[in-house]
């Protein structure tokens, strides 16, 4: 399925047919520019999706490069198939060493950690491609690690300061107006933190007790993702020397990278 961004003819999206509890309606692949075309997040390794992306590229020019917001397979596994269609092109990602202020063709690299250690965003004029950093209708999981949650919150504040016209996420509909939704997510994360501190102070120090008390609104199928974000919140409290020693820490599943 193709996705349009109102007000620009320079960007088109192709949604992959990989719906799920983490991918929502499917992964959004974004085709950017004309002539020298960049693809943001080629998506999953689905031949029909890659063919649709390659077709959209060919209608606009030729592939000049690939920009990856992060390395999760639902965003990056299609890279080899797309290169079979287009030949060798540069691949710009956090894992390749790209960082804030770098460029990928006409795209500007923005540091936006949290969902993964290598997570980036890419700006094209007043549009920002945000990968899995923020969705229009749901929250994202934040991976644990030193500075992960603090970096995530700082990244969202940075997007507010940037004041883009629209955010084009890796899943779900466009985010507009961005500032309101970005602030909602900052407030949401800080509210979870506040409730977590209160729960721990009340003696809820096991993983199950913290989830039942603080993430009591989360459906059972999303508890694995909530547990990952719990770990990120606990890491932040530990970094700030606000975490009691007797708090149980979650094991991190292999699908979190």
Protein backbone atom coordinates (compact mmCIF):
# COMPACT_ATOMS: atom_id res chain seq x y z
CA UNK A 1 0.00 0.00 0.00
CA UNK A 2 1.30 3.46 -0.92
CA UNK A 3 1.33 6.34 1.54
CA UNK A 4 1.26 10.03 0.68
CA UNK A 5 2.40 13.05 2.69
CA UNK A 6 0.15 16.02 2.05
CA UNK A 7 1.99 19.05 0.78
CA UNK A 8 4.94 17.31 -0.86
CA UNK A 9 5.45 15.33 -4.03
CA UNK A 10 9.02 14.47 -3.07
CA UNK A 11 8.18 11.67 -0.62
CA UNK A 12 6.08 8.57 -0.98
CA UNK A 13 5.65 5.66 1.40
CA UNK A 14 5.16 1.95 0.77
CA UNK A 15 3.66 -0.09 3.62
CA UNK A 16 4.81 -3.70 3.98
CA UNK A 17 2.36 -6.51 4.57
CA UNK A 18 3.83 -7.52 7.93
CA UNK A 19 1.20 -6.55 10.53
CA UNK A 20 1.77 -7.55 14.14
CA UNK A 21 1.76 -6.46 17.76
CA UNK A 22 5.07 -4.63 17.31
CA UNK A 23 4.71 -3.63 13.65
CA UNK A 24 1.09 -2.39 13.86
CA UNK A 25 -0.32 -2.26 10.28
CA UNK A 26 3.12 -3.01 8.82
CA UNK A 27 6.48 -1.34 8.27
CA UNK A 28 6.50 2.00 6.44
CA UNK A 29 9.28 2.33 3.86
CA UNK A 30 9.86 5.90 2.68
CA UNK A 31 11.10 6.81 -0.81
CA UNK A 32 12.64 10.28 -0.80
CA UNK A 33 13.54 12.66 -3.61
CA UNK A 34 13.57 12.52 -7.39
CA UNK A 35 16.48 11.72 -9.65
CA UNK A 36 18.82 10.58 -6.91
CA UNK A 37 16.39 8.68 -4.69
CA UNK A 38 17.02 7.56 -1.12
CA UNK A 39 15.09 4.82 0.65
CA UNK A 40 14.51 5.12 4.39
CA UNK A 41 14.04 1.70 6.02
CA UNK A 42 13.62 -0.80 3.16
CA UNK A 43 11.55 -2.98 5.49
CA UNK A 44 11.17 -6.74 5.95
CA UNK A 45 12.46 -9.42 3.59
CA UNK A 46 9.22 -9.78 1.63
CA UNK A 47 9.73 -10.05 -2.16
CA UNK A 48 6.42 -8.33 -2.99
CA UNK A 49 7.27 -5.41 -0.73
CA UNK A 50 10.78 -5.03 -2.12
CA UNK A 51 9.38 -5.16 -5.66
CA UNK A 52 6.91 -2.40 -4.78
CA UNK A 53 9.70 -0.28 -3.28
CA UNK A 54 11.95 -0.84 -6.31
CA UNK A 55 9.08 0.12 -8.60
CA UNK A 56 8.43 3.32 -6.65
CA UNK A 57 12.13 4.18 -6.84
CA UNK A 58 12.28 3.58 -10.60
CA UNK A 59 9.28 5.87 -11.12
CA UNK A 60 11.18 8.71 -9.46
CA UNK A 61 14.76 8.09 -10.63
CA UNK A 62 17.44 5.69 -9.47
CA UNK A 63 18.50 4.51 -6.04
CA UNK A 64 21.27 6.69 -4.62
CA UNK A 65 21.39 5.31 -1.09
CA UNK A 66 19.67 3.60 1.83
CA UNK A 67 19.11 5.21 5.23
CA UNK A 68 18.34 2.93 8.18
CA UNK A 69 16.75 4.36 11.30
CA UNK A 70 17.90 1.21 13.12
CA UNK A 71 18.85 -2.38 12.52
CA UNK A 72 15.71 -4.27 13.57
CA UNK A 73 14.80 -6.79 10.92
CA UNK A 74 11.39 -5.35 10.11
CA UNK A 75 13.23 -2.23 8.92
CA UNK A 76 16.47 -3.64 7.49
CA UNK A 77 16.07 -7.24 6.31
CA UNK A 78 15.03 -6.11 2.81
CA UNK A 79 18.39 -4.39 2.18
CA UNK A 80 20.02 -7.32 0.31
CA UNK A 81 16.97 -7.82 -1.92
CA UNK A 82 16.77 -4.11 -2.71
CA UNK A 83 20.47 -4.06 -3.60
CA UNK A 84 19.83 -6.94 -6.00
CA UNK A 85 17.43 -4.64 -7.83
CA UNK A 86 19.55 -1.49 -7.65
CA UNK A 87 23.19 -2.51 -7.34
CA UNK A 88 25.60 -1.23 -4.70
CA UNK A 89 24.69 2.05 -2.99
CA UNK A 90 25.77 3.63 0.31
CA UNK A 91 23.97 2.47 3.45
CA UNK A 92 23.81 5.10 6.18
CA UNK A 93 22.98 3.89 9.70
CA UNK A 94 23.97 4.15 13.31
CA UNK A 95 25.87 0.88 12.95
CA UNK A 96 27.85 2.37 10.06
CA UNK A 97 28.93 5.23 12.32
CA UNK A 98 26.50 7.92 11.19
CA UNK A 99 25.62 10.53 13.78
CA UNK A 100 23.90 13.86 14.33
CA UNK A 101 24.66 16.42 11.64
CA UNK A 102 25.84 13.90 9.04
CA UNK A 103 24.05 13.69 5.72
CA UNK A 104 22.64 10.96 3.51
CA UNK A 105 22.05 12.69 0.19
CA UNK A 106 19.51 15.39 0.99
CA UNK A 107 18.67 13.75 4.32
CA UNK A 108 20.07 15.14 7.55
CA UNK A 109 20.94 12.63 10.26
CA UNK A 110 19.42 13.20 13.70
CA UNK A 111 20.45 11.26 16.81
CA UNK A 112 17.39 9.65 18.38
CA UNK A 113 18.42 6.78 20.68
CA UNK A 114 16.16 4.80 22.97
CA UNK A 115 14.28 2.21 20.97
CA UNK A 116 17.69 0.78 20.13
CA UNK A 117 21.25 1.92 20.73
CA UNK A 118 21.79 2.59 17.01
CA UNK A 119 18.52 4.44 16.42
CA UNK A 120 18.58 7.53 14.21
CA UNK A 121 16.05 9.81 12.54
CA UNK A 122 16.39 11.53 9.18
CA UNK A 123 15.14 14.99 8.25
CA UNK A 124 14.10 16.02 4.76
CA UNK A 125 13.12 19.66 4.93
CA UNK A 126 10.22 19.91 7.38
CA UNK A 127 9.59 16.14 7.38
CA UNK A 128 11.36 13.84 9.85
CA UNK A 129 11.46 10.08 9.39
CA UNK A 130 11.42 8.77 12.94
CA UNK A 131 11.57 4.97 12.64
CA UNK A 132 10.36 3.42 15.89
CA UNK A 133 10.93 6.45 18.11
CA UNK A 134 7.32 7.63 18.14
CA UNK A 135 3.96 6.46 16.78
CA UNK A 136 0.74 8.38 16.27
CA UNK A 137 -1.51 6.09 18.28
CA UNK A 138 0.65 4.04 20.65
CA UNK A 139 3.86 4.20 22.64
CA UNK A 140 7.09 2.46 21.68
CA UNK A 141 9.31 0.28 23.82
CA UNK A 142 12.58 1.79 25.00
CA UNK A 143 15.50 -0.63 25.19
CA UNK A 144 17.64 -0.74 28.33
CA UNK A 145 21.22 0.43 28.41
CA UNK A 146 23.35 3.22 29.80
CA UNK A 147 21.77 6.56 28.91
CA UNK A 148 19.02 4.97 26.84
CA UNK A 149 15.92 6.41 28.53
CA UNK A 150 17.55 9.80 29.18
CA UNK A 151 18.74 9.91 25.57
CA UNK A 152 15.27 9.02 24.34
CA UNK A 153 13.65 11.85 26.29
CA UNK A 154 16.34 14.29 25.16
CA UNK A 155 15.77 13.21 21.56
CA UNK A 156 12.04 13.87 21.78
CA UNK A 157 12.72 17.31 23.26
CA UNK A 158 15.12 17.93 20.38
CA UNK A 159 12.40 17.13 17.85
CA UNK A 160 10.06 19.58 19.58
CA UNK A 161 12.74 22.27 19.33
CA UNK A 162 13.23 21.45 15.65
CA UNK A 163 9.50 22.03 15.00
CA UNK A 164 8.95 19.81 11.93
CA UNK A 165 5.70 19.94 9.98
CA UNK A 166 5.13 16.18 10.10
CA UNK A 167 6.74 13.02 11.45
CA UNK A 168 6.79 9.97 9.19
CA UNK A 169 7.12 6.95 11.51
CA UNK A 170 8.20 3.40 10.77
CA UNK A 171 4.74 2.07 11.59
CA UNK A 172 1.24 3.52 11.62
CA UNK A 173 -0.07 6.86 10.35
CA UNK A 174 1.76 10.15 10.06
CA UNK A 175 2.22 12.19 13.23
CA UNK A 176 0.88 15.73 13.01
CA UNK A 177 0.96 18.12 14.65
CA UNK A 178 4.26 16.69 15.94
CA UNK A 179 4.86 18.89 19.00
CA UNK A 180 1.67 17.86 20.76
CA UNK A 181 2.30 14.14 20.25
CA UNK A 182 5.97 14.42 21.20
CA UNK A 183 5.08 16.17 24.46
CA UNK A 184 2.43 13.52 25.16
CA UNK A 185 5.09 10.82 24.91
CA UNK A 186 7.54 12.70 27.12
CA UNK A 187 4.79 13.16 29.72
CA UNK A 188 3.81 9.50 29.37
CA UNK A 189 7.34 8.28 30.06
CA UNK A 190 7.78 10.66 33.01
CA UNK A 191 4.43 9.57 34.44
CA UNK A 192 5.52 5.92 34.25
CA UNK A 193 8.73 6.91 36.02
CA UNK A 194 6.80 8.71 38.76
CA UNK A 195 4.49 5.73 39.27
CA UNK A 196 7.44 3.34 39.26
CA UNK A 197 9.21 5.30 42.00
CA UNK A 198 6.01 5.30 44.07
CA UNK A 199 5.51 1.56 43.54
CA UNK A 200 9.07 0.74 44.60
CA UNK A 201 8.72 2.96 47.67
CA UNK A 202 5.56 0.98 48.56
CA UNK A 203 7.45 -2.30 48.46
CA UNK A 204 6.56 -3.42 44.93
CA UNK A 205 10.09 -4.46 43.97
CA UNK A 206 9.55 -7.66 41.98
CA UNK A 207 9.18 -7.53 38.20
CA UNK A 208 5.61 -8.84 38.35
CA UNK A 209 4.61 -6.38 41.07
CA UNK A 210 6.06 -3.40 39.23
CA UNK A 211 4.34 -4.38 35.99
CA UNK A 212 1.01 -5.03 37.72
CA UNK A 213 1.17 -1.70 39.55
CA UNK A 214 2.68 0.65 36.96
CA UNK A 215 1.78 -0.98 33.63
CA UNK A 216 -1.69 -2.05 34.75
CA UNK A 217 -3.24 -0.64 31.55
CA UNK A 218 -1.12 -2.75 29.18
CA UNK A 219 -2.68 -5.79 27.43
CA UNK A 220 -1.06 -9.12 28.25
CA UNK A 221 0.36 -9.55 24.75
CA UNK A 222 2.31 -6.29 25.17
CA UNK A 223 3.79 -7.14 28.58
CA UNK A 224 7.07 -8.37 27.02
CA UNK A 225 7.59 -4.91 25.50
CA UNK A 226 6.53 -3.26 28.77
CA UNK A 227 9.11 -5.37 30.59
CA UNK A 228 11.83 -4.11 28.27
CA UNK A 229 10.80 -0.51 28.93
CA UNK A 230 10.66 -1.25 32.67
CA UNK A 231 14.31 -2.29 32.44
CA UNK A 232 15.16 1.00 30.71
CA UNK A 233 13.40 2.99 33.44
CA UNK A 234 15.27 1.05 36.12
CA UNK A 235 18.57 1.74 34.36
CA UNK A 236 17.80 5.46 34.38
CA UNK A 237 16.97 5.42 38.09
CA UNK A 238 20.20 3.55 38.77
CA UNK A 239 22.21 6.09 36.77
CA UNK A 240 20.63 8.83 38.87
CA UNK A 241 21.35 6.90 42.09
CA UNK A 242 17.63 6.64 42.85
CA UNK A 243 17.24 2.84 42.61
CA UNK A 244 17.18 0.73 45.81
CA UNK A 245 19.45 -2.30 45.76
CA UNK A 246 16.66 -4.83 46.34
CA UNK A 247 14.73 -4.10 43.13
CA UNK A 248 14.50 -7.09 40.80
CA UNK A 249 15.89 -6.48 37.29
CA UNK A 250 14.40 -8.10 34.18
CA UNK A 251 16.28 -10.42 31.85
CA UNK A 252 16.33 -8.88 28.38
CA UNK A 253 14.98 -11.07 25.55
CA UNK A 254 17.08 -11.79 22.48
CA UNK A 255 14.80 -9.79 20.17
CA UNK A 256 15.90 -6.57 21.87
CA UNK A 257 19.09 -5.21 20.33
